[in-house]
Protein backbone atom coordinates (compact mmCIF):
# COMPACT_ATOMS: atom_id res chain seq x y z
CA MET A 1 -52.07 -63.41 -13.85
CA ALA A 2 -49.45 -60.61 -15.65
CA GLU A 3 -46.65 -63.31 -17.24
CA LYS A 4 -42.68 -61.34 -17.03
CA LYS A 5 -39.52 -61.94 -18.40
CA CYS A 6 -36.69 -63.84 -17.54
CA ILE A 7 -33.49 -61.57 -17.30
CA MET A 8 -31.30 -64.18 -17.66
CA CYS A 9 -32.86 -66.47 -20.18
CA GLY A 10 -36.03 -64.28 -21.18
CA LYS A 11 -37.94 -67.07 -21.00
CA MET A 12 -41.59 -65.83 -19.71
CA PHE A 13 -43.04 -66.98 -16.66
CA ASP A 14 -45.72 -66.09 -13.99
CA PRO A 15 -44.25 -64.85 -11.40
CA GLU A 16 -46.63 -65.68 -8.04
CA GLU A 17 -45.87 -69.45 -9.74
CA VAL A 18 -42.18 -68.95 -8.81
CA ALA A 19 -42.95 -67.28 -5.46
CA ASN A 20 -45.00 -70.37 -4.42
CA ALA A 21 -42.74 -72.44 -5.26
CA ASN A 22 -39.90 -71.02 -3.91
CA LYS A 23 -42.61 -70.19 -0.03
CA ASN A 24 -41.36 -71.22 3.22
CA PRO A 25 -43.47 -73.89 4.18
CA TYR A 26 -42.11 -73.51 8.18
CA LEU A 27 -43.16 -69.84 8.78
CA ASP A 28 -47.73 -68.94 8.51
CA ASP A 29 -48.83 -65.84 6.14
CA ASP A 30 -49.08 -63.60 9.79
CA ASP A 31 -45.45 -64.14 10.43
CA GLU A 32 -44.59 -61.72 7.38
CA ASP A 33 -43.92 -58.43 8.11
CA MET A 34 -41.46 -57.24 4.75
CA PRO A 35 -43.56 -57.24 2.01
CA LYS A 36 -41.70 -59.29 -0.77
CA LYS A 37 -40.95 -58.53 -3.97
CA GLU A 38 -41.56 -60.61 -7.70
CA PRO A 39 -39.15 -62.78 -8.61
CA SER A 40 -37.34 -61.94 -11.91
CA PHE A 41 -35.38 -65.40 -12.76
CA CYS A 42 -38.22 -68.37 -13.79
CA GLN A 43 -37.57 -71.03 -11.49
CA LEU A 44 -34.75 -72.86 -13.84
CA CYS A 45 -32.77 -70.21 -14.06
CA GLU A 46 -32.52 -69.12 -10.00
CA ALA A 47 -32.22 -73.44 -9.66
CA ARG A 48 -29.19 -73.42 -11.55
CA ILE A 49 -27.88 -69.29 -10.10
CA ARG A 50 -28.34 -71.56 -6.83
CA ASN A 51 -26.67 -75.36 -7.54
CA GLU A 52 -23.38 -72.91 -9.05
CA ALA A 53 -23.66 -70.98 -5.82
CA ASP A 54 -23.30 -74.28 -3.97
CA LYS A 55 -20.75 -75.67 -6.52
CA SER A 56 -18.62 -71.89 -5.25
CA GLN A 57 -18.34 -72.40 -1.27
CA LYS A 58 -15.47 -73.83 -0.23
CA SER A 59 -15.22 -76.92 1.53
CA PRO A 60 -13.93 -76.58 4.90
CA LYS A 61 -9.44 -77.86 5.28
CA PRO A 62 -9.06 -80.98 6.89
CA MET A 63 -7.12 -80.68 9.67
């Protein structure tokens, strides 16, 4: 269990735990052809990034 340091906040986290949390439940392990790279952000920072990205999306203009 090798811990990594988050590149945003500097908190130590387990990359396997983050990878398992982000795993798509609809895909089987056999379907994954590409190797996964280890996450660089802890779960909290990743959630914060996704939240900010969702907020920055433009809303469609009313017709």
